[in-house]
Amino acid sequence: MEDYARAGFQNLEADATSTANLGANGLDMILDIPVTVAVEIGRTTISISNLLKLNPGSVVELDRFAGEPMDITVNGTLVARGEVVVVNEKFGIRLTDVVSAAERVRKLK
């Protein structure tokens, strides 16, 4: 049997000392990475035949009620909830609840 060298891996678990040592220089590498931010007002399931019947003025019922907070996701991961606002005649989202970093990491596992 051949001899294989055992690969050495560093501990990738984040702890207080490793994250504190990152500083601004450690984060500079990732600050320009593009991410997709999406705001979801609701979902529904519709058959293809009904989808093809949609035209301007059609109403599609969603699974949420009017006034309910919207989900804000980054690359498909829920990061916050918010409400629609109008600022200078443009739509925006006011964050009303931000998912904690610990909760976001827990959902990744």
PDB file of N, CA and C in Angstrom:
ATOM      1  N   MET A   1       0.847  -1.175   0.000  1.00  0.00           N
ATOM      2  CA  MET A   1       0.000   0.000   0.000  1.00  0.00           C
ATOM      3  C   MET A   1       0.890   1.235   0.000  1.00  0.00           C
ATOM      4  N   GLU A   2       0.464   2.272  -0.737  1.00  0.00           N
ATOM      5  CA  GLU A   2       1.257   3.484  -0.839  1.00  0.00           C
ATOM      6  C   GLU A   2       1.145   4.311   0.426  1.00  0.00           C
ATOM      7  N   ASP A   3       2.193   5.069   0.680  1.00  0.00           N
ATOM      8  CA  ASP A   3       2.171   5.996   1.821  1.00  0.00           C
ATOM      9  C   ASP A   3       1.628   7.337   1.350  1.00  0.00           C
ATOM     10  N   TYR A   4       0.656   7.853   2.057  1.00  0.00           N
ATOM     11  CA  TYR A   4       0.079   9.149   1.741  1.00  0.00           C
ATOM     12  C   TYR A   4       0.401  10.122   2.861  1.00  0.00           C
ATOM     13  N   ALA A   5       0.718  11.343   2.477  1.00  0.00           N
ATOM     14  CA  ALA A   5       0.949  12.379   3.480  1.00  0.00           C
ATOM     15  C   ALA A   5      -0.396  12.876   3.979  1.00  0.00           C
ATOM     16  N   ARG A   6      -0.491  13.012   5.245  1.00  0.00           N
ATOM     17  CA  ARG A   6      -1.744  13.498   5.833  1.00  0.00           C
ATOM     18  C   ARG A   6      -1.807  15.013   5.666  1.00  0.00           C
ATOM     19  N   ALA A   7      -2.912  15.486   5.133  1.00  0.00           N
ATOM     20  CA  ALA A   7      -3.086  16.924   4.916  1.00  0.00           C
ATOM     21  C   ALA A   7      -3.365  17.611   6.245  1.00  0.00           C
ATOM     22  N   GLY A   8      -2.729  18.736   6.441  1.00  0.00           N
ATOM     23  CA  GLY A   8      -2.955  19.512   7.654  1.00  0.00           C
ATOM     24  C   GLY A   8      -3.998  20.580   7.408  1.00  0.00           C
ATOM     25  N   PHE A   9      -5.030  20.609   8.218  1.00  0.00           N
ATOM     26  CA  PHE A   9      -6.081  21.613   8.087  1.00  0.00           C
ATOM     27  C   PHE A   9      -6.124  22.448   9.351  1.00  0.00           C
ATOM     28  N   GLN A  10      -6.291  23.730   9.142  1.00  0.00           N
ATOM     29  CA  GLN A  10      -6.443  24.594  10.300  1.00  0.00           C
ATOM     30  C   GLN A  10      -7.863  24.509  10.816  1.00  0.00           C
ATOM     31  N   ASN A  11      -8.060  24.866  12.065  1.00  0.00           N
ATOM     32  CA  ASN A  11      -9.388  24.871  12.651  1.00  0.00           C
ATOM     33  C   ASN A  11     -10.184  26.019  12.038  1.00  0.00           C
ATOM     34  N   LEU A  12     -11.273  25.713  11.329  1.00  0.00           N
ATOM     35  CA  LEU A  12     -12.066  26.731  10.660  1.00  0.00           C
ATOM     36  C   LEU A  12     -13.218  27.241  11.509  1.00  0.00           C
ATOM     37  N   GLU A  13     -13.376  26.723  12.710  1.00  0.00           N
ATOM     38  CA  GLU A  13     -14.429  27.208  13.595  1.00  0.00           C
ATOM     39  C   GLU A  13     -14.074  28.610  14.065  1.00  0.00           C
ATOM     40  N   ALA A  14     -15.035  29.521  13.956  1.00  0.00           N
ATOM     41  CA  ALA A  14     -14.805  30.901  14.389  1.00  0.00           C
ATOM     42  C   ALA A  14     -14.881  30.971  15.907  1.00  0.00           C
ATOM     43  N   ASP A  15     -13.920  31.679  16.491  1.00  0.00           N
ATOM     44  CA  ASP A  15     -13.986  31.958  17.910  1.00  0.00           C
ATOM     45  C   ASP A  15     -13.729  33.448  18.113  1.00  0.00           C
ATOM     46  N   ALA A  16     -13.848  33.906  19.326  1.00  0.00           N
ATOM     47  CA  ALA A  16     -13.761  35.341  19.590  1.00  0.00           C
ATOM     48  C   ALA A  16     -12.404  35.907  19.192  1.00  0.00           C
ATOM     49  N   THR A  17     -11.312  35.165  19.411  1.00  0.00           N
ATOM     50  CA  THR A  17      -9.996  35.716  19.098  1.00  0.00           C
ATOM     51  C   THR A  17      -9.738  35.744  17.601  1.00  0.00           C
ATOM     52  N   SER A  18     -10.193  34.731  16.854  1.00  0.00           N
ATOM     53  CA  SER A  18      -9.926  34.713  15.414  1.00  0.00           C
ATOM     54  C   SER A  18     -10.732  35.774  14.685  1.00  0.00           C
ATOM     55  N   THR A  19     -11.980  36.010  15.093  1.00  0.00           N
ATOM     56  CA  THR A  19     -12.777  37.032  14.419  1.00  0.00           C
ATOM     57  C   THR A  19     -12.326  38.429  14.818  1.00  0.00           C
ATOM     58  N   ALA A  20     -11.842  38.600  16.033  1.00  0.00           N
ATOM     59  CA  ALA A  20     -11.365  39.914  16.464  1.00  0.00           C
ATOM     60  C   ALA A  20     -10.101  40.295  15.716  1.00  0.00           C
ATOM     61  N   ASN A  21      -9.284  39.309  15.336  1.00  0.00           N
ATOM     62  CA  ASN A  21      -8.033  39.578  14.640  1.00  0.00           C
ATOM     63  C   ASN A  21      -8.215  39.854  13.156  1.00  0.00           C
ATOM     64  N   LEU A  22      -9.420  39.644  12.610  1.00  0.00           N
ATOM     65  CA  LEU A  22      -9.641  39.902  11.196  1.00  0.00           C
ATOM     66  C   LEU A  22      -9.454  41.369  10.868  1.00  0.00           C
ATOM     67  N   GLY A  23     -10.061  42.235  11.646  1.00  0.00           N
ATOM     68  CA  GLY A  23      -9.953  43.662  11.410  1.00  0.00           C
ATOM     69  C   GLY A  23     -10.404  44.050  10.022  1.00  0.00           C
ATOM     70  N   ALA A  24     -10.174  45.290   9.657  1.00  0.00           N
ATOM     71  CA  ALA A  24     -10.582  45.794   8.353  1.00  0.00           C
ATOM     72  C   ALA A  24      -9.797  45.138   7.233  1.00  0.00           C
ATOM     73  N   ASN A  25      -8.524  44.856   7.447  1.00  0.00           N
ATOM     74  CA  ASN A  25      -7.704  44.256   6.390  1.00  0.00           C
ATOM     75  C   ASN A  25      -8.179  42.871   6.016  1.00  0.00           C
ATOM     76  N   GLY A  26      -8.657  42.095   6.964  1.00  0.00           N
ATOM     77  CA  GLY A  26      -9.144  40.757   6.665  1.00  0.00           C
ATOM     78  C   GLY A  26     -10.429  40.785   5.852  1.00  0.00           C
ATOM     79  N   LEU A  27     -11.256  41.796   6.045  1.00  0.00           N
ATOM     80  CA  LEU A  27     -12.520  41.895   5.322  1.00  0.00           C
ATOM     81  C   LEU A  27     -12.367  42.572   3.973  1.00  0.00           C
ATOM     82  N   ASP A  28     -11.296  43.306   3.762  1.00  0.00           N
ATOM     83  CA  ASP A  28     -11.095  44.011   2.498  1.00  0.00           C
ATOM     84  C   ASP A  28     -11.169  43.074   1.303  1.00  0.00           C
ATOM     85  N   MET A  29     -10.750  41.835   1.474  1.00  0.00           N
ATOM     86  CA  MET A  29     -10.741  40.872   0.370  1.00  0.00           C
ATOM     87  C   MET A  29     -12.139  40.586  -0.151  1.00  0.00           C
ATOM     88  N   ILE A  30     -13.141  40.659   0.697  1.00  0.00           N
ATOM     89  CA  ILE A  30     -14.482  40.244   0.285  1.00  0.00           C
ATOM     90  C   ILE A  30     -15.449  41.400   0.044  1.00  0.00           C
ATOM     91  N   LEU A  31     -15.042  42.623   0.333  1.00  0.00           N
ATOM     92  CA  LEU A  31     -15.967  43.747   0.251  1.00  0.00           C
ATOM     93  C   LEU A  31     -16.481  44.023  -1.153  1.00  0.00           C
ATOM     94  N   ASP A  32     -15.760  43.637  -2.197  1.00  0.00           N
ATOM     95  CA  ASP A  32     -16.179  43.884  -3.574  1.00  0.00           C
ATOM     96  C   ASP A  32     -16.871  42.696  -4.229  1.00  0.00           C
ATOM     97  N   ILE A  33     -17.133  41.633  -3.478  1.00  0.00           N
ATOM     98  CA  ILE A  33     -17.812  40.468  -4.042  1.00  0.00           C
ATOM     99  C   ILE A  33     -19.292  40.801  -4.206  1.00  0.00           C
ATOM    100  N   PRO A  34     -19.825  40.662  -5.437  1.00  0.00           N
ATOM    101  CA  PRO A  34     -21.248  40.986  -5.631  1.00  0.00           C
ATOM    102  C   PRO A  34     -22.144  39.906  -5.021  1.00  0.00           C
ATOM    103  N   VAL A  35     -23.243  40.346  -4.429  1.00  0.00           N
ATOM    104  CA  VAL A  35     -24.245  39.444  -3.878  1.00  0.00           C
ATOM    105  C   VAL A  35     -25.606  39.854  -4.422  1.00  0.00           C
ATOM    106  N   THR A  36     -26.540  38.927  -4.444  1.00  0.00           N
ATOM    107  CA  THR A  36     -27.881  39.200  -4.938  1.00  0.00           C
ATOM    108  C   THR A  36     -28.808  39.447  -3.756  1.00  0.00           C
ATOM    109  N   VAL A  37     -29.397  40.635  -3.712  1.00  0.00           N
ATOM    110  CA  VAL A  37     -30.349  40.987  -2.663  1.00  0.00           C
ATOM    111  C   VAL A  37     -31.742  40.937  -3.286  1.00  0.00           C
ATOM    112  N   ALA A  38     -32.650  40.199  -2.659  1.00  0.00           N
ATOM    113  CA  ALA A  38     -34.017  40.073  -3.167  1.00  0.00           C
ATOM    114  C   ALA A  38     -35.006  40.386  -2.051  1.00  0.00           C
ATOM    115  N   VAL A  39     -36.111  41.013  -2.413  1.00  0.00           N
ATOM    116  CA  VAL A  39     -37.192  41.296  -1.483  1.00  0.00           C
ATOM    117  C   VAL A  39     -38.411  40.521  -1.963  1.00  0.00           C
ATOM    118  N   GLU A  40     -38.913  39.659  -1.109  1.00  0.00           N
ATOM    119  CA  GLU A  40     -40.036  38.804  -1.492  1.00  0.00           C
ATOM    120  C   GLU A  40     -41.305  39.283  -0.813  1.00  0.00           C
ATOM    121  N   ILE A  41     -42.303  39.612  -1.637  1.00  0.00           N
ATOM    122  CA  ILE A  41     -43.579  40.054  -1.065  1.00  0.00           C
ATOM    123  C   ILE A  41     -44.538  38.891  -0.845  1.00  0.00           C
ATOM    124  N   GLY A  42     -44.262  37.750  -1.450  1.00  0.00           N
ATOM    125  CA  GLY A  42     -45.110  36.578  -1.267  1.00  0.00           C
ATOM    126  C   GLY A  42     -44.856  35.546  -2.343  1.00  0.00           C
ATOM    127  N   ARG A  43     -45.474  34.391  -2.175  1.00  0.00           N
ATOM    128  CA  ARG A  43     -45.328  33.285  -3.130  1.00  0.00           C
ATOM    129  C   ARG A  43     -46.692  32.687  -3.424  1.00  0.00           C
ATOM    130  N   THR A  44     -46.754  31.983  -4.541  1.00  0.00           N
ATOM    131  CA  THR A  44     -47.949  31.231  -4.879  1.00  0.00           C
ATOM    132  C   THR A  44     -47.564  30.108  -5.824  1.00  0.00           C
ATOM    133  N   THR A  45     -48.425  29.134  -5.946  1.00  0.00           N
ATOM    134  CA  THR A  45     -48.246  28.068  -6.922  1.00  0.00           C
ATOM    135  C   THR A  45     -49.369  28.201  -7.940  1.00  0.00           C
ATOM    136  N   ILE A  46     -49.013  28.143  -9.208  1.00  0.00           N
ATOM    137  CA  ILE A  46     -49.988  28.342 -10.276  1.00  0.00           C
ATOM    138  C   ILE A  46     -49.693  27.350 -11.394  1.00  0.00           C
ATOM    139  N   SER A  47     -50.731  26.831 -12.006  1.00  0.00           N
ATOM    140  CA  SER A  47     -50.523  25.886 -13.112  1.00  0.00           C
ATOM    141  C   SER A  47     -50.075  26.656 -14.355  1.00  0.00           C
ATOM    142  N   ILE A  48     -49.422  25.964 -15.254  1.00  0.00           N
ATOM    143  CA  ILE A  48     -48.947  26.590 -16.486  1.00  0.00           C
ATOM    144  C   ILE A  48     -50.123  27.124 -17.304  1.00  0.00           C
ATOM    145  N   SER A  49     -51.242  26.388 -17.320  1.00  0.00           N
ATOM    146  CA  SER A  49     -52.398  26.868 -18.093  1.00  0.00           C
ATOM    147  C   SER A  49     -52.913  28.196 -17.541  1.00  0.00           C
ATOM    148  N   ASN A  50     -52.975  28.342 -16.210  1.00  0.00           N
ATOM    149  CA  ASN A  50     -53.401  29.609 -15.616  1.00  0.00           C
ATOM    150  C   ASN A  50     -52.350  30.696 -15.799  1.00  0.00           C
ATOM    151  N   LEU A  51     -51.084  30.311 -15.784  1.00  0.00           N
ATOM    152  CA  LEU A  51     -50.012  31.276 -16.021  1.00  0.00           C
ATOM    153  C   LEU A  51     -50.124  31.886 -17.414  1.00  0.00           C
ATOM    154  N   LEU A  52     -50.447  31.054 -18.378  1.00  0.00           N
ATOM    155  CA  LEU A  52     -50.576  31.532 -19.757  1.00  0.00           C
ATOM    156  C   LEU A  52     -51.798  32.426 -19.955  1.00  0.00           C
ATOM    157  N   LYS A  53     -52.755  32.360 -19.040  1.00  0.00           N
ATOM    158  CA  LYS A  53     -53.955  33.200 -19.142  1.00  0.00           C
ATOM    159  C   LYS A  53     -53.771  34.589 -18.536  1.00  0.00           C
ATOM    160  N   LEU A  54     -52.638  34.819 -17.860  1.00  0.00           N
ATOM    161  CA  LEU A  54     -52.414  36.120 -17.228  1.00  0.00           C
ATOM    162  C   LEU A  54     -52.227  37.207 -18.273  1.00  0.00           C
ATOM    163  N   ASN A  55     -52.787  38.382 -17.974  1.00  0.00           N
ATOM    164  CA  ASN A  55     -52.611  39.537 -18.849  1.00  0.00           C
ATOM    165  C   ASN A  55     -52.603  40.788 -17.975  1.00  0.00           C
ATOM    166  N   PRO A  56     -52.305  41.956 -18.535  1.00  0.00           N
ATOM    167  CA  PRO A  56     -52.310  43.178 -17.720  1.00  0.00           C
ATOM    168  C   PRO A  56     -53.635  43.340 -16.986  1.00  0.00           C
ATOM    169  N   GLY A  57     -53.559  43.599 -15.692  1.00  0.00           N
ATOM    170  CA  GLY A  57     -54.762  43.738 -14.877  1.00  0.00           C
ATOM    171  C   GLY A  57     -55.119  42.487 -14.113  1.00  0.00           C
ATOM    172  N   SER A  58     -54.501  41.339 -14.450  1.00  0.00           N
ATOM    173  CA  SER A  58     -54.765  40.101 -13.706  1.00  0.00           C
ATOM    174  C   SER A  58     -54.264  40.255 -12.276  1.00  0.00           C
ATOM    175  N   VAL A  59     -54.934  39.595 -11.359  1.00  0.00           N
ATOM    176  CA  VAL A  59     -54.529  39.614  -9.952  1.00  0.00           C
ATOM    177  C   VAL A  59     -54.092  38.206  -9.571  1.00  0.00           C
ATOM    178  N   VAL A  60     -52.916  38.108  -8.986  1.00  0.00           N
ATOM    179  CA  VAL A  60     -52.384  36.826  -8.521  1.00  0.00           C
ATOM    180  C   VAL A  60     -52.361  36.864  -6.998  1.00  0.00           C
ATOM    181  N   GLU A  61     -53.072  35.943  -6.368  1.00  0.00           N
ATOM    182  CA  GLU A  61     -53.145  35.900  -4.910  1.00  0.00           C
ATOM    183  C   GLU A  61     -51.860  35.284  -4.355  1.00  0.00           C
ATOM    184  N   LEU A  62     -51.290  35.954  -3.357  1.00  0.00           N
ATOM    185  CA  LEU A  62     -50.053  35.477  -2.728  1.00  0.00           C
ATOM    186  C   LEU A  62     -50.354  34.898  -1.361  1.00  0.00           C
ATOM    187  N   ASP A  63     -49.349  34.277  -0.754  1.00  0.00           N
ATOM    188  CA  ASP A  63     -49.533  33.601   0.524  1.00  0.00           C
ATOM    189  C   ASP A  63     -49.375  34.515   1.737  1.00  0.00           C
ATOM    190  N   ARG A  64     -49.324  35.816   1.529  1.00  0.00           N
ATOM    191  CA  ARG A  64     -49.183  36.756   2.645  1.00  0.00           C
ATOM    192  C   ARG A  64     -50.329  37.754   2.638  1.00  0.00           C
ATOM    193  N   PHE A  65     -50.532  38.368   3.788  1.00  0.00           N
ATOM    194  CA  PHE A  65     -51.565  39.379   3.926  1.00  0.00           C
ATOM    195  C   PHE A  65     -50.977  40.760   3.687  1.00  0.00           C
ATOM    196  N   ALA A  66     -51.799  41.701   3.277  1.00  0.00           N
ATOM    197  CA  ALA A  66     -51.359  43.084   3.102  1.00  0.00           C
ATOM    198  C   ALA A  66     -50.836  43.605   4.439  1.00  0.00           C
ATOM    199  N   GLY A  67     -49.727  44.297   4.409  1.00  0.00           N
ATOM    200  CA  GLY A  67     -49.141  44.855   5.620  1.00  0.00           C
ATOM    201  C   GLY A  67     -48.174  43.939   6.329  1.00  0.00           C
ATOM    202  N   GLU A  68     -48.105  42.678   5.916  1.00  0.00           N
ATOM    203  CA  GLU A  68     -47.152  41.744   6.518  1.00  0.00           C
ATOM    204  C   GLU A  68     -45.732  42.105   6.089  1.00  0.00           C
ATOM    205  N   PRO A  69     -44.737  41.917   6.963  1.00  0.00           N
ATOM    206  CA  PRO A  69     -43.360  42.232   6.574  1.00  0.00           C
ATOM    207  C   PRO A  69     -42.892  41.372   5.402  1.00  0.00           C
ATOM    208  N   MET A  70     -42.006  41.933   4.600  1.00  0.00           N
ATOM    209  CA  MET A  70     -41.432  41.217   3.463  1.00  0.00           C
ATOM    210  C   MET A  70     -40.083  40.633   3.854  1.00  0.00           C
ATOM    211  N   ASP A  71     -39.737  39.503   3.248  1.00  0.00           N
ATOM    212  CA  ASP A  71     -38.449  38.867   3.500  1.00  0.00           C
ATOM    213  C   ASP A  71     -37.386  39.500   2.620  1.00  0.00           C
ATOM    214  N   ILE A  72     -36.232  39.795   3.199  1.00  0.00           N
ATOM    215  CA  ILE A  72     -35.081  40.294   2.449  1.00  0.00           C
ATOM    216  C   ILE A  72     -34.025  39.195   2.509  1.00  0.00           C
ATOM    217  N   THR A  73     -33.644  38.694   1.347  1.00  0.00           N
ATOM    218  CA  THR A  73     -32.667  37.617   1.285  1.00  0.00           C
ATOM    219  C   THR A  73     -31.417  38.089   0.557  1.00  0.00           C
ATOM    220  N   VAL A  74     -30.292  37.528   0.944  1.00  0.00           N
ATOM    221  CA  VAL A  74     -29.022  37.755   0.253  1.00  0.00           C
ATOM    222  C   VAL A  74     -28.530  36.393  -0.195  1.00  0.00           C
ATOM    223  N   ASN A  75     -28.401  36.232  -1.509  1.00  0.00           N
ATOM    224  CA  ASN A  75     -28.014  34.942  -2.094  1.00  0.00           C
ATOM    225  C   ASN A  75     -28.885  33.807  -1.562  1.00  0.00           C
ATOM    226  N   GLY A  76     -30.176  34.084  -1.404  1.00  0.00           N
ATOM    227  CA  GLY A  76     -31.126  33.056  -0.985  1.00  0.00           C
ATOM    228  C   GLY A  76     -31.224  32.837   0.509  1.00  0.00           C
ATOM    229  N   THR A  77     -30.448  33.555   1.312  1.00  0.00           N
ATOM    230  CA  THR A  77     -30.473  33.391   2.760  1.00  0.00           C
ATOM    231  C   THR A  77     -31.210  34.563   3.395  1.00  0.00           C
ATOM    232  N   LEU A  78     -32.206  34.271   4.207  1.00  0.00           N
ATOM    233  CA  LEU A  78     -32.973  35.309   4.889  1.00  0.00           C
ATOM    234  C   LEU A  78     -32.052  36.090   5.820  1.00  0.00           C
ATOM    235  N   VAL A  79     -31.992  37.411   5.645  1.00  0.00           N
ATOM    236  CA  VAL A  79     -31.159  38.250   6.511  1.00  0.00           C
ATOM    237  C   VAL A  79     -31.976  39.278   7.284  1.00  0.00           C
ATOM    238  N   ALA A  80     -33.178  39.619   6.770  1.00  0.00           N
ATOM    239  CA  ALA A  80     -33.977  40.630   7.452  1.00  0.00           C
ATOM    240  C   ALA A  80     -35.415  40.579   6.957  1.00  0.00           C
ATOM    241  N   ARG A  81     -36.261  41.343   7.645  1.00  0.00           N
ATOM    242  CA  ARG A  81     -37.639  41.561   7.211  1.00  0.00           C
ATOM    243  C   ARG A  81     -37.870  43.069   7.216  1.00  0.00           C
ATOM    244  N   GLY A  82     -38.771  43.524   6.361  1.00  0.00           N
ATOM    245  CA  GLY A  82     -38.987  44.958   6.298  1.00  0.00           C
ATOM    246  C   GLY A  82     -40.311  45.328   5.693  1.00  0.00           C
ATOM    247  N   GLU A  83     -40.529  46.636   5.587  1.00  0.00           N
ATOM    248  CA  GLU A  83     -41.768  47.162   5.040  1.00  0.00           C
ATOM    249  C   GLU A  83     -41.448  48.121   3.897  1.00  0.00           C
ATOM    250  N   VAL A  84     -42.371  48.221   2.958  1.00  0.00           N
ATOM    251  CA  VAL A  84     -42.181  49.088   1.801  1.00  0.00           C
ATOM    252  C   VAL A  84     -42.343  50.542   2.220  1.00  0.00           C
ATOM    253  N   VAL A  85     -41.443  51.397   1.722  1.00  0.00           N
ATOM    254  CA  VAL A  85     -41.546  52.835   1.919  1.00  0.00           C
ATOM    255  C   VAL A  85     -41.343  53.508   0.565  1.00  0.00           C
ATOM    256  N   VAL A  86     -41.783  54.736   0.459  1.00  0.00           N
ATOM    257  CA  VAL A  86     -41.547  55.526  -0.748  1.00  0.00           C
ATOM    258  C   VAL A  86     -40.653  56.693  -0.355  1.00  0.00           C
ATOM    259  N   VAL A  87     -39.507  56.801  -1.036  1.00  0.00           N
ATOM    260  CA  VAL A  87     -38.548  57.861  -0.765  1.00  0.00           C
ATOM    261  C   VAL A  87     -38.232  58.544  -2.084  1.00  0.00           C
ATOM    262  N   ASN A  88     -38.510  59.836  -2.178  1.00  0.00           N
ATOM    263  CA  ASN A  88     -38.263  60.595  -3.413  1.00  0.00           C
ATOM    264  C   ASN A  88     -38.893  59.910  -4.620  1.00  0.00           C
ATOM    265  N   GLU A  89     -40.131  59.473  -4.466  1.00  0.00           N
ATOM    266  CA  GLU A  89     -40.896  58.826  -5.529  1.00  0.00           C
ATOM    267  C   GLU A  89     -40.311  57.487  -5.990  1.00  0.00           C
ATOM    268  N   LYS A  90     -39.458  56.872  -5.171  1.00  0.00           N
ATOM    269  CA  LYS A  90     -38.912  55.551  -5.472  1.00  0.00           C
ATOM    270  C   LYS A  90     -39.251  54.626  -4.311  1.00  0.00           C
ATOM    271  N   PHE A  91     -39.471  53.356  -4.634  1.00  0.00           N
ATOM    272  CA  PHE A  91     -39.751  52.381  -3.600  1.00  0.00           C
ATOM    273  C   PHE A  91     -38.468  51.987  -2.882  1.00  0.00           C
ATOM    274  N   GLY A  92     -38.594  51.710  -1.606  1.00  0.00           N
ATOM    275  CA  GLY A  92     -37.479  51.229  -0.803  1.00  0.00           C
ATOM    276  C   GLY A  92     -38.014  50.296   0.264  1.00  0.00           C
ATOM    277  N   ILE A  93     -37.116  49.761   1.060  1.00  0.00           N
ATOM    278  CA  ILE A  93     -37.492  48.857   2.145  1.00  0.00           C
ATOM    279  C   ILE A  93     -36.897  49.387   3.447  1.00  0.00           C
ATOM    280  N   ARG A  94     -37.740  49.538   4.456  1.00  0.00           N
ATOM    281  CA  ARG A  94     -37.259  49.890   5.793  1.00  0.00           C
ATOM    282  C   ARG A  94     -37.129  48.588   6.563  1.00  0.00           C
ATOM    283  N   LEU A  95     -35.936  48.303   7.035  1.00  0.00           N
ATOM    284  CA  LEU A  95     -35.712  47.071   7.794  1.00  0.00           C
ATOM    285  C   LEU A  95     -36.378  47.187   9.150  1.00  0.00           C
ATOM    286  N   THR A  96     -37.192  46.214   9.474  1.00  0.00           N
ATOM    287  CA  THR A  96     -37.875  46.205  10.765  1.00  0.00           C
ATOM    288  C   THR A  96     -37.326  45.129  11.692  1.00  0.00           C
ATOM    289  N   ASP A  97     -36.680  44.127  11.123  1.00  0.00           N
ATOM    290  CA  ASP A  97     -36.123  43.023  11.910  1.00  0.00           C
ATOM    291  C   ASP A  97     -34.946  42.447  11.146  1.00  0.00           C
ATOM    292  N   VAL A  98     -33.788  42.356  11.798  1.00  0.00           N
ATOM    293  CA  VAL A  98     -32.605  41.788  11.169  1.00  0.00           C
ATOM    294  C   VAL A  98     -32.296  40.459  11.852  1.00  0.00           C
ATOM    295  N   VAL A  99     -32.106  39.423  11.038  1.00  0.00           N
ATOM    296  CA  VAL A  99     -31.781  38.098  11.568  1.00  0.00           C
ATOM    297  C   VAL A  99     -30.366  38.160  12.141  1.00  0.00           C
ATOM    298  N   SER A 100     -30.177  37.652  13.341  1.00  0.00           N
ATOM    299  CA  SER A 100     -28.861  37.710  13.976  1.00  0.00           C
ATOM    300  C   SER A 100     -27.840  36.898  13.184  1.00  0.00           C
ATOM    301  N   ALA A 101     -26.587  37.288  13.300  1.00  0.00           N
ATOM    302  CA  ALA A 101     -25.512  36.580  12.605  1.00  0.00           C
ATOM    303  C   ALA A 101     -25.460  35.128  13.048  1.00  0.00           C
ATOM    304  N   ALA A 102     -25.671  34.873  14.327  1.00  0.00           N
ATOM    305  CA  ALA A 102     -25.645  33.494  14.834  1.00  0.00           C
ATOM    306  C   ALA A 102     -26.748  32.661  14.182  1.00  0.00           C
ATOM    307  N   GLU A 103     -27.941  33.239  14.029  1.00  0.00           N
ATOM    308  CA  GLU A 103     -29.050  32.523  13.418  1.00  0.00           C
ATOM    309  C   GLU A 103     -28.768  32.233  11.934  1.00  0.00           C
ATOM    310  N   ARG A 104     -28.177  33.194  11.221  1.00  0.00           N
ATOM    311  CA  ARG A 104     -27.841  32.987   9.805  1.00  0.00           C
ATOM    312  C   ARG A 104     -26.824  31.871   9.658  1.00  0.00           C
ATOM    313  N   VAL A 105     -25.816  31.829  10.519  1.00  0.00           N
ATOM    314  CA  VAL A 105     -24.800  30.772  10.455  1.00  0.00           C
ATOM    315  C   VAL A 105     -25.430  29.434  10.789  1.00  0.00           C
ATOM    316  N   ARG A 106     -26.340  29.403  11.760  1.00  0.00           N
ATOM    317  CA  ARG A 106     -26.988  28.155  12.158  1.00  0.00           C
ATOM    318  C   ARG A 106     -27.796  27.579  10.982  1.00  0.00           C
ATOM    319  N   LYS A 107     -28.419  28.431  10.165  1.00  0.00           N
ATOM    320  CA  LYS A 107     -29.213  27.965   9.034  1.00  0.00           C
ATOM    321  C   LYS A 107     -28.343  27.465   7.890  1.00  0.00           C
ATOM    322  N   LEU A 108     -27.072  27.861   7.844  1.00  0.00           N
ATOM    323  CA  LEU A 108     -26.174  27.404   6.780  1.00  0.00           C
ATOM    324  C   LEU A 108     -25.750  25.955   6.977  1.00  0.00           C
ATOM    325  N   LYS A 109     -25.751  25.485   8.206  1.00  0.00           N
ATOM    326  CA  LYS A 109     -25.262  24.122   8.500  1.00  0.00           C
ATOM    327  C   LYS A 109     -26.255  23.083   8.093  1.00  0.00           C
TER     328      LYS A 109
END
